[in-house]
Amino acid sequence: MELPAAFIDRTRPLLGDEWDDFRKALQETPPPTSIRLNDKTPLRIGTAVPWCPDGAYLDERPLFTLDPLFHAGCYYVQEASSMFVRQALQQCVPPGSLVLDLCAAPGGKSTLISQYLGDKGFLVANEIIRQRAHILAENLQKWGNGNFAVTNDTPQNIGKLTALFDAILVDAPCSGEGMFRKDPGAIAEWSEANVRMCAARQRDILTDIWAALKPDGVLIYSTCTYNREENEDNVQWICTHLGASYQPLSIDTRWQLSGKDAGYHFYPHKTRGEGFFLAVMRKHGGAARTFRLRDKNAGKQQPAGLQQLRKWLDERQDWKLEFGKNRAYAIPEKHAETVRIVQECLNAITAGTELAEWKAGKWTPCPAAALSKYLNRQNFTTFAADTETALAFLRTETLNLPELPLGYVLITYKNVPLGWVKNVGNRCNNLYPNEWRIRKK
């Protein structure tokens, strides 16, 4: 790996006598493989990631594509250093908070936040690129919590939601120095000009979104880069120009993190992970929240049997059922107003749990309903698939299950739901989304 000379000149002074170890780690150490486990699965594998109770290192990288549990949302393949977001949440953000993940795709940190918030809080996960926003929605639906909305909007527009969020995560687009070991293409794209451009863009994003954070709210700022311009300098800029105070975290010295006065660095020669930076700041002052909303669904006729869909879910949550875009959605009752604000003011792709689609005068179960942690499985016929059958289902191939009753059947693997088929007798119509299917044989 040939590092750019300008990168060496800029980074060596930051590391001092650790430079040789750092460079050796980039050039000789293979990247570790780590996953974060969903609490809906009994899986317990690998060596624990010290700063994240759900994280685990694997001894080798398996072929995740051919593991049905991966597609069922039982775990997320996530770089270990970025799981440090869990510490920022645990120490600074109460579980009942409303959190915005601004630059959220593909969904690693969003699924982490969703799991941390659980039944108490709510997540708005945003991605400005529409195609990536749909990937984000897929990953959150597979995670199965239903305590989220996915939006495809700009920081400027979200910033108009004055004082809405208790906490905002900005995992900022950056120059990607921390990905050099995993992605050689990041080296080819690196330049000093790009560092300066990224730092300026990060400040623009932060300025645009700042008003949406409540007074005394928490900003979690992170990058996957090493330089001061995009990290410590921007933290100081936030405190000085936007009005915030830096919040140190309680850190275990065994984690081998660097820095503390303006953020925390992960370096690959000291921790089992890639380059990552994170800082937490608390907002001072700001306007109070004011919203005037109209109910878009007021007076609209709803399809027959909408309320009967409540039987599809268990009673751990109080649900509000809403209908829009030919789909029924289950929204946690205590977050219904938040969802209304999001749907009224932003370009919302989905919210809560997509239960069913209204087609030809009937309800067809949605894939997200099968993957929901709240699915009342007692109301459905289930079929326990072996590995071969599960992979055939995930490839959207036709299944034959003549021994089962006609109608909708929940396909499971190792007692974990994968999705739906409709048994019509001589065959089963596969209802797994075509855009989610696996192509590898």
Protein backbone atom coordinates (compact mmCIF):
# COMPACT_ATOMS: atom_id res chain seq x y z
CA MET A 1 0.00 0.00 0.00
CA GLU A 2 1.57 3.26 -1.18
CA LEU A 3 0.38 6.11 1.02
CA PRO A 4 0.27 9.62 -0.50
CA ALA A 5 3.31 11.67 0.49
CA ALA A 6 1.13 14.59 1.58
CA PHE A 7 -0.92 12.26 3.81
CA ILE A 8 2.29 11.03 5.45
CA ASP A 9 3.53 14.57 6.01
CA ARG A 10 0.22 15.59 7.59
CA THR A 11 -0.43 12.48 9.69
CA ARG A 12 3.03 11.64 11.04
CA PRO A 13 3.09 14.66 13.43
CA LEU A 14 -0.31 13.62 14.84
CA LEU A 15 1.01 10.19 15.81
CA GLY A 16 4.59 11.01 16.82
CA ASP A 17 6.54 7.89 17.79
CA GLU A 18 3.47 5.72 17.02
CA TRP A 19 3.78 6.45 13.30
CA ASP A 20 5.72 3.30 12.36
CA ASP A 21 3.24 1.07 14.18
CA PHE A 22 0.35 2.89 12.50
CA ARG A 23 1.84 2.53 9.04
CA LYS A 24 2.64 -1.13 9.63
CA ALA A 25 -0.95 -1.80 10.69
CA LEU A 26 -2.26 -0.20 7.51
CA GLN A 27 0.08 -2.19 5.30
CA GLU A 28 0.31 -5.59 6.98
CA THR A 29 -2.65 -6.21 9.28
CA PRO A 30 -5.78 -7.66 7.65
CA PRO A 31 -8.97 -5.79 8.57
CA PRO A 32 -10.95 -7.53 11.33
CA THR A 33 -14.47 -8.79 10.66
CA SER A 34 -17.11 -7.77 13.17
CA ILE A 35 -20.87 -8.03 13.48
CA ARG A 36 -23.47 -6.56 15.79
CA LEU A 37 -26.16 -8.93 17.02
CA ASN A 38 -29.87 -8.15 16.99
CA ASP A 39 -31.64 -8.78 20.28
CA LYS A 40 -34.26 -10.84 18.39
CA THR A 41 -31.74 -13.64 17.83
CA PRO A 42 -30.18 -16.09 20.28
CA LEU A 43 -26.85 -16.03 18.41
CA ARG A 44 -23.81 -15.61 20.62
CA ILE A 45 -20.60 -15.96 18.65
CA GLY A 46 -17.09 -14.55 18.45
CA THR A 47 -15.10 -12.30 20.76
CA ALA A 48 -16.93 -9.34 22.29
CA VAL A 49 -16.35 -5.78 21.06
CA PRO A 50 -15.43 -4.06 24.36
CA TRP A 51 -17.34 -0.79 23.82
CA CYS A 52 -20.53 -2.34 22.43
CA PRO A 53 -22.42 -5.08 24.31
CA ASP A 54 -23.98 -6.42 21.09
CA GLY A 55 -20.77 -6.41 19.02
CA ALA A 56 -18.59 -9.43 18.24
CA TYR A 57 -15.40 -10.08 16.30
CA LEU A 58 -15.31 -13.14 14.04
CA ASP A 59 -12.22 -15.28 13.55
CA GLU A 60 -12.78 -15.31 9.79
CA ARG A 61 -15.10 -13.67 7.30
CA PRO A 62 -17.87 -16.06 6.25
CA LEU A 63 -19.96 -15.74 3.11
CA PHE A 64 -22.72 -13.66 4.65
CA THR A 65 -24.79 -13.68 1.45
CA LEU A 66 -25.53 -17.39 1.88
CA ASP A 67 -26.56 -17.16 5.52
CA PRO A 68 -30.37 -16.84 5.83
CA LEU A 69 -29.99 -15.36 9.34
CA PHE A 70 -28.13 -12.41 7.83
CA HIS A 71 -31.10 -11.66 5.56
CA ALA A 72 -33.48 -12.13 8.49
CA GLY A 73 -31.81 -9.23 10.31
CA CYS A 74 -30.32 -11.38 13.06
CA TYR A 75 -27.08 -9.44 12.83
CA TYR A 76 -25.51 -6.53 10.97
CA VAL A 77 -21.98 -6.61 9.54
CA GLN A 78 -20.52 -3.45 11.02
CA GLU A 79 -17.03 -2.09 11.50
CA ALA A 80 -16.18 -2.39 15.20
CA SER A 81 -14.87 1.14 15.78
CA SER A 82 -18.13 2.69 14.57
CA MET A 83 -20.02 0.73 17.24
CA PHE A 84 -18.56 3.25 19.69
CA VAL A 85 -21.71 5.28 18.94
CA ARG A 86 -23.32 2.98 21.53
CA GLN A 87 -21.17 4.57 24.27
CA ALA A 88 -22.21 8.09 23.25
CA LEU A 89 -25.87 7.05 23.39
CA GLN A 90 -25.56 5.14 26.65
CA GLN A 91 -23.78 7.98 28.43
CA CYS A 92 -25.57 11.03 26.98
CA VAL A 93 -28.93 10.10 25.40
CA PRO A 94 -31.84 8.67 27.48
CA PRO A 95 -33.57 5.68 25.81
CA GLY A 96 -36.87 7.61 25.55
CA SER A 97 -35.35 10.21 23.21
CA LEU A 98 -36.25 11.25 19.67
CA VAL A 99 -33.05 10.81 17.65
CA LEU A 100 -32.11 11.88 14.12
CA ASP A 101 -29.46 9.95 12.18
CA LEU A 102 -28.82 12.49 9.45
CA CYS A 103 -26.47 10.65 7.06
CA ALA A 104 -27.80 7.19 7.80
CA ALA A 105 -27.36 4.81 4.84
CA PRO A 106 -26.72 1.96 4.64
CA GLY A 107 -27.97 1.62 8.22
CA GLY A 108 -25.28 0.31 10.57
CA LYS A 109 -25.57 3.14 13.07
CA SER A 110 -29.34 3.44 12.53
CA THR A 111 -29.96 -0.18 13.49
CA LEU A 112 -27.69 0.37 16.51
CA ILE A 113 -29.69 3.44 17.58
CA SER A 114 -33.00 1.62 16.99
CA GLN A 115 -31.88 -1.24 19.20
CA TYR A 116 -30.65 1.11 21.93
CA LEU A 117 -33.94 3.08 21.97
CA GLY A 118 -36.11 -0.03 22.03
CA ASP A 119 -39.77 0.47 22.95
CA LYS A 120 -39.19 3.85 24.57
CA GLY A 121 -37.64 6.09 21.91
CA PHE A 122 -37.98 6.85 18.21
CA LEU A 123 -35.49 7.25 15.35
CA VAL A 124 -35.70 9.35 12.20
CA ALA A 125 -33.12 7.92 9.78
CA ASN A 126 -32.39 10.18 6.82
CA GLU A 127 -30.44 9.66 3.61
CA ILE A 128 -30.17 12.33 0.94
CA ILE A 129 -29.51 9.89 -1.95
CA ARG A 130 -32.80 8.20 -2.81
CA GLN A 131 -31.44 4.81 -3.86
CA ARG A 132 -29.42 4.57 -0.66
CA ALA A 133 -32.46 5.66 1.35
CA HIS A 134 -34.32 2.56 0.14
CA ILE A 135 -31.38 0.36 1.21
CA LEU A 136 -31.55 2.08 4.60
CA ALA A 137 -35.28 1.32 4.84
CA GLU A 138 -34.65 -2.33 3.95
CA ASN A 139 -32.05 -2.75 6.68
CA LEU A 140 -34.21 -1.11 9.33
CA GLN A 141 -37.23 -3.18 8.33
CA LYS A 142 -35.16 -6.34 8.60
CA TRP A 143 -33.99 -5.23 12.05
CA GLY A 144 -37.62 -5.39 13.06
CA ASN A 145 -38.18 -2.74 15.74
CA GLY A 146 -40.72 -0.47 14.05
CA ASN A 147 -39.54 2.52 16.15
CA PHE A 148 -38.32 4.50 13.15
CA ALA A 149 -39.15 6.59 10.12
CA VAL A 150 -36.94 6.73 7.02
CA THR A 151 -36.70 10.02 5.14
CA ASN A 152 -35.02 11.13 1.93
CA ASP A 153 -34.43 14.83 2.49
CA THR A 154 -31.83 17.58 2.75
CA PRO A 155 -30.21 18.94 5.91
CA GLN A 156 -31.65 22.37 5.05
CA ASN A 157 -35.21 21.06 5.02
CA ILE A 158 -34.82 18.96 8.16
CA GLY A 159 -33.29 22.00 9.86
CA LYS A 160 -36.66 23.73 9.56
CA LEU A 161 -38.07 21.35 12.18
CA THR A 162 -37.09 23.67 14.98
CA ALA A 163 -36.08 22.01 18.26
CA LEU A 164 -37.63 18.66 17.37
CA PHE A 165 -34.82 16.24 18.21
CA ASP A 166 -33.31 15.33 21.58
CA ALA A 167 -30.17 14.06 19.84
CA ILE A 168 -28.70 14.18 16.35
CA LEU A 169 -26.01 11.90 14.93
CA VAL A 170 -24.04 13.39 12.05
CA ASP A 171 -21.76 10.68 10.68
CA ALA A 172 -20.38 13.19 8.24
CA PRO A 173 -19.26 12.54 4.65
CA CYS A 174 -15.48 12.75 4.93
CA SER A 175 -12.16 12.19 3.17
CA GLY A 176 -12.15 8.55 4.25
CA GLU A 177 -8.60 8.21 5.56
CA GLY A 178 -9.79 5.66 8.10
CA MET A 179 -10.88 3.35 5.27
CA PHE A 180 -7.46 3.11 3.61
CA ARG A 181 -6.90 -0.46 4.83
CA LYS A 182 -10.35 -1.72 3.82
CA ASP A 183 -10.73 0.27 0.61
CA PRO A 184 -7.67 0.97 -1.56
CA GLY A 185 -9.88 3.19 -3.69
CA ALA A 186 -10.02 5.66 -0.79
CA ILE A 187 -6.26 6.17 -1.18
CA ALA A 188 -6.59 7.01 -4.88
CA GLU A 189 -9.32 9.55 -4.11
CA TRP A 190 -7.47 11.27 -1.27
CA SER A 191 -6.04 14.78 -1.65
CA GLU A 192 -5.42 17.78 0.57
CA ALA A 193 -7.96 19.70 -1.49
CA ASN A 194 -10.56 17.01 -0.76
CA VAL A 195 -9.81 17.25 2.98
CA ARG A 196 -10.47 20.99 2.90
CA MET A 197 -13.60 20.52 0.82
CA CYS A 198 -14.96 17.86 3.19
CA ALA A 199 -14.28 20.01 6.26
CA ALA A 200 -16.18 22.92 4.73
CA ARG A 201 -19.07 20.70 3.65
CA GLN A 202 -19.30 19.24 7.15
CA ARG A 203 -19.66 22.72 8.61
CA ASP A 204 -22.37 23.53 6.08
CA ILE A 205 -24.29 20.38 7.03
CA LEU A 206 -23.97 21.12 10.73
CA THR A 207 -25.13 24.71 10.24
CA ASP A 208 -28.16 23.56 8.24
CA ILE A 209 -29.27 21.00 10.81
CA TRP A 210 -28.47 22.86 14.03
CA ALA A 211 -31.87 24.48 14.56
CA ALA A 212 -33.56 21.04 14.61
CA LEU A 213 -31.72 20.11 17.82
CA LYS A 214 -33.49 21.00 21.05
CA PRO A 215 -31.88 23.37 23.56
CA ASP A 216 -29.67 21.22 25.79
CA GLY A 217 -29.84 18.50 23.10
CA VAL A 218 -26.90 16.29 22.17
CA LEU A 219 -24.95 16.28 18.90
CA ILE A 220 -22.90 13.16 18.16
CA TYR A 221 -20.39 14.00 15.45
CA SER A 222 -18.30 11.30 13.78
CA THR A 223 -16.05 10.70 10.78
CA CYS A 224 -13.91 7.87 9.43
CA THR A 225 -10.84 10.04 8.99
CA TYR A 226 -7.75 11.11 10.98
CA ASN A 227 -6.98 14.75 10.17
CA ARG A 228 -7.68 17.64 12.54
CA GLU A 229 -9.55 19.80 10.00
CA GLU A 230 -12.47 17.36 9.78
CA ASN A 231 -12.30 16.33 13.43
CA GLU A 232 -10.94 18.45 16.31
CA ASP A 233 -11.03 21.71 14.33
CA ASN A 234 -14.69 21.15 13.44
CA VAL A 235 -15.52 20.26 17.05
CA GLN A 236 -14.02 23.57 18.16
CA TRP A 237 -15.89 25.35 15.37
CA ILE A 238 -19.20 23.83 16.51
CA CYS A 239 -18.61 24.95 20.07
CA THR A 240 -17.55 28.46 19.08
CA HIS A 241 -19.87 29.27 16.17
CA LEU A 242 -22.98 27.20 16.82
CA GLY A 243 -23.04 27.39 20.61
CA ALA A 244 -22.22 24.09 22.26
CA SER A 245 -20.01 22.56 24.92
CA TYR A 246 -17.87 19.47 24.47
CA GLN A 247 -19.00 16.45 26.50
CA PRO A 248 -16.24 14.02 27.52
CA LEU A 249 -17.18 10.36 27.87
CA SER A 250 -16.17 7.78 30.44
CA ILE A 251 -13.58 5.66 28.64
CA ASP A 252 -11.97 2.38 29.65
CA THR A 253 -8.19 2.75 29.23
CA ARG A 254 -8.05 -0.83 27.93
CA TRP A 255 -9.84 0.32 24.78
CA GLN A 256 -6.64 2.16 23.74
CA LEU A 257 -8.40 5.25 22.38
CA SER A 258 -6.49 8.43 21.60
CA GLY A 259 -7.54 11.96 22.56
CA LYS A 260 -10.26 13.17 24.92
CA ASP A 261 -10.30 16.99 25.01
CA ALA A 262 -11.99 17.36 21.62
CA GLY A 263 -13.03 13.85 20.62
CA TYR A 264 -11.84 10.25 20.51
CA HIS A 265 -9.74 8.55 17.81
CA PHE A 266 -9.61 4.88 16.91
CA TYR A 267 -6.34 3.89 15.24
CA PRO A 268 -5.83 0.43 13.67
CA HIS A 269 -2.48 -0.14 15.42
CA LYS A 270 -4.13 0.25 18.83
CA THR A 271 -7.68 -1.11 18.47
CA ARG A 272 -9.27 -3.93 16.46
CA GLY A 273 -11.03 -1.72 13.96
CA GLU A 274 -10.58 0.94 11.32
CA GLY A 275 -9.94 4.65 11.69
CA PHE A 276 -12.84 6.42 13.40
CA PHE A 277 -13.42 9.69 15.25
CA LEU A 278 -16.31 10.66 17.53
CA ALA A 279 -17.16 13.66 19.69
CA VAL A 280 -20.25 14.56 21.70
CA MET A 281 -21.45 18.14 22.20
CA ARG A 282 -24.37 19.67 24.05
CA LYS A 283 -26.30 22.58 22.57
CA HIS A 284 -26.70 25.89 24.38
CA GLY A 285 -29.86 27.93 23.85
CA GLY A 286 -32.03 27.94 20.77
CA ALA A 287 -35.67 28.47 19.86
CA ALA A 288 -38.57 26.48 21.30
CA ARG A 289 -40.50 23.97 19.23
CA THR A 290 -43.61 25.11 17.37
CA PHE A 291 -45.54 23.09 14.78
CA ARG A 292 -48.91 23.51 13.17
CA LEU A 293 -50.01 20.40 11.38
CA ARG A 294 -52.97 19.20 9.43
CA ASP A 295 -53.93 15.54 9.33
CA LYS A 296 -53.52 14.40 5.73
CA ASN A 297 -55.67 11.35 6.37
CA ALA A 298 -58.54 13.21 8.05
CA GLY A 299 -61.83 12.40 6.33
CA LYS A 300 -60.30 9.83 3.99
CA GLN A 301 -62.05 6.51 3.65
CA GLN A 302 -60.02 3.60 5.00
CA PRO A 303 -60.08 0.08 3.56
CA ALA A 304 -62.21 -2.56 5.24
CA GLY A 305 -60.62 -4.55 7.99
CA LEU A 306 -57.83 -2.08 8.78
CA GLN A 307 -58.30 -2.36 12.53
CA GLN A 308 -58.38 -6.15 12.31
CA LEU A 309 -54.70 -6.02 11.40
CA ARG A 310 -53.98 -5.29 15.07
CA LYS A 311 -54.24 -9.04 15.61
CA TRP A 312 -51.08 -9.43 13.54
CA LEU A 313 -49.08 -7.75 16.31
CA ASP A 314 -48.57 -8.63 19.95
CA GLU A 315 -49.49 -6.24 22.76
CA ARG A 316 -46.07 -5.06 23.94
CA GLN A 317 -46.80 -1.72 22.26
CA ASP A 318 -49.91 0.44 21.94
CA TRP A 319 -50.30 0.73 18.18
CA LYS A 320 -51.93 3.32 15.98
CA LEU A 321 -52.83 1.97 12.55
CA GLU A 322 -52.54 4.35 9.63
CA PHE A 323 -53.24 3.92 5.93
CA GLY A 324 -51.33 5.58 3.10
CA LYS A 325 -49.71 4.69 -0.22
CA ASN A 326 -51.97 1.60 -0.34
CA ARG A 327 -50.31 0.25 2.80
CA ALA A 328 -51.24 -0.16 6.44
CA TYR A 329 -48.64 0.97 8.95
CA ALA A 330 -48.43 0.26 12.67
CA ILE A 331 -47.03 3.27 14.54
CA PRO A 332 -46.23 3.23 18.27
CA GLU A 333 -49.05 5.32 19.74
CA LYS A 334 -46.71 7.50 21.81
CA HIS A 335 -44.77 8.47 18.67
CA ALA A 336 -47.74 9.07 16.38
CA GLU A 337 -47.40 12.87 16.58
CA THR A 338 -43.73 12.67 15.65
CA VAL A 339 -44.59 10.53 12.64
CA ARG A 340 -47.22 13.08 11.58
CA ILE A 341 -44.61 15.85 11.73
CA VAL A 342 -42.16 13.80 9.68
CA GLN A 343 -44.75 12.87 7.07
CA GLU A 344 -46.10 16.42 6.86
CA CYS A 345 -42.76 18.22 6.64
CA LEU A 346 -40.29 15.77 5.07
CA ASN A 347 -40.08 13.33 2.20
CA ALA A 348 -40.87 10.19 4.18
CA ILE A 349 -40.28 6.78 2.59
CA THR A 350 -41.69 4.65 5.39
CA ALA A 351 -42.54 4.82 9.08
CA GLY A 352 -43.21 2.25 11.76
CA THR A 353 -43.97 -1.29 10.65
CA GLU A 354 -45.41 -1.84 7.18
CA LEU A 355 -48.10 -4.41 7.93
CA ALA A 356 -50.01 -5.05 4.74
CA GLU A 357 -50.73 -3.82 1.23
CA TRP A 358 -54.28 -3.27 -0.01
CA LYS A 359 -54.54 -4.98 -3.41
CA ALA A 360 -57.63 -6.05 -5.32
CA GLY A 361 -59.81 -5.47 -2.27
CA LYS A 362 -57.70 -7.67 0.02
CA TRP A 363 -54.84 -7.31 2.47
CA THR A 364 -51.50 -8.83 1.46
CA PRO A 365 -48.90 -9.04 4.27
CA CYS A 366 -45.79 -6.91 3.77
CA PRO A 367 -42.25 -8.29 4.16
CA ALA A 368 -41.61 -5.94 7.09
CA ALA A 369 -44.48 -7.54 9.02
CA ALA A 370 -42.80 -10.94 8.84
CA LEU A 371 -39.53 -9.49 10.15
CA SER A 372 -41.12 -7.44 12.94
CA LYS A 373 -40.21 -8.36 16.51
CA TYR A 374 -43.86 -7.71 17.36
CA LEU A 375 -45.39 -10.16 14.88
CA ASN A 376 -48.01 -12.37 16.56
CA ARG A 377 -46.90 -15.61 14.95
CA GLN A 378 -49.76 -17.59 16.52
CA ASN A 379 -52.10 -16.06 13.96
CA PHE A 380 -50.23 -17.50 10.97
CA THR A 381 -49.37 -20.83 9.43
CA THR A 382 -45.60 -21.29 9.54
CA PHE A 383 -43.15 -23.50 7.68
CA ALA A 384 -39.71 -24.28 9.07
CA ALA A 385 -37.33 -24.26 6.10
CA ASP A 386 -33.99 -26.02 5.92
CA THR A 387 -30.98 -24.11 4.57
CA GLU A 388 -31.54 -25.10 0.95
CA THR A 389 -35.21 -24.17 1.01
CA ALA A 390 -34.52 -20.92 2.87
CA LEU A 391 -31.99 -19.86 0.23
CA ALA A 392 -34.41 -20.80 -2.55
CA PHE A 393 -37.02 -18.58 -0.89
CA LEU A 394 -34.51 -15.70 -0.59
CA ARG A 395 -33.73 -16.07 -4.31
CA THR A 396 -37.50 -15.60 -4.90
CA GLU A 397 -37.81 -19.08 -6.37
CA THR A 398 -41.16 -20.89 -6.39
CA LEU A 399 -41.75 -23.24 -3.46
CA ASN A 400 -44.13 -26.21 -3.30
CA LEU A 401 -45.73 -26.86 0.10
CA PRO A 402 -48.78 -29.04 -0.70
CA GLU A 403 -49.05 -30.34 2.88
CA LEU A 404 -49.88 -26.86 4.24
CA PRO A 405 -53.25 -25.05 4.21
CA LEU A 406 -54.00 -22.62 1.41
CA GLY A 407 -53.26 -18.96 2.05
CA TYR A 408 -50.40 -16.98 3.48
CA VAL A 409 -47.55 -18.94 5.07
CA LEU A 410 -44.73 -17.52 7.18
CA ILE A 411 -41.37 -19.02 6.16
CA THR A 412 -38.95 -19.42 9.07
CA TYR A 413 -35.35 -20.58 9.42
CA LYS A 414 -34.04 -21.76 12.77
CA ASN A 415 -37.25 -20.35 14.25
CA VAL A 416 -36.55 -16.88 12.80
CA PRO A 417 -39.04 -15.45 10.24
CA LEU A 418 -37.80 -14.73 6.72
CA GLY A 419 -40.96 -13.69 4.86
CA TRP A 420 -44.18 -14.81 3.22
CA VAL A 421 -45.44 -17.12 0.51
CA LYS A 422 -49.01 -17.60 -0.61
CA ASN A 423 -49.90 -21.26 -0.95
CA VAL A 424 -52.33 -21.67 -3.87
CA GLY A 425 -52.20 -25.48 -3.92
CA ASN A 426 -49.99 -26.56 -6.80
CA ARG A 427 -47.36 -23.96 -5.91
CA CYS A 428 -46.55 -21.10 -3.56
CA ASN A 429 -46.31 -17.55 -4.84
CA ASN A 430 -43.12 -16.12 -3.37
CA LEU A 431 -43.76 -12.71 -1.77
CA TYR A 432 -40.13 -11.90 -0.94
CA PRO A 433 -39.27 -8.49 -2.49
CA ASN A 434 -37.51 -8.81 -5.81
CA GLU A 435 -35.15 -5.94 -4.90
CA TRP A 436 -34.07 -7.85 -1.75
CA ARG A 437 -33.42 -11.20 -3.44
CA ILE A 438 -30.01 -12.83 -3.34
CA ARG A 439 -28.43 -13.65 -6.70
CA LYS A 440 -25.52 -15.78 -5.59
CA LYS A 441 -25.93 -19.56 -6.00
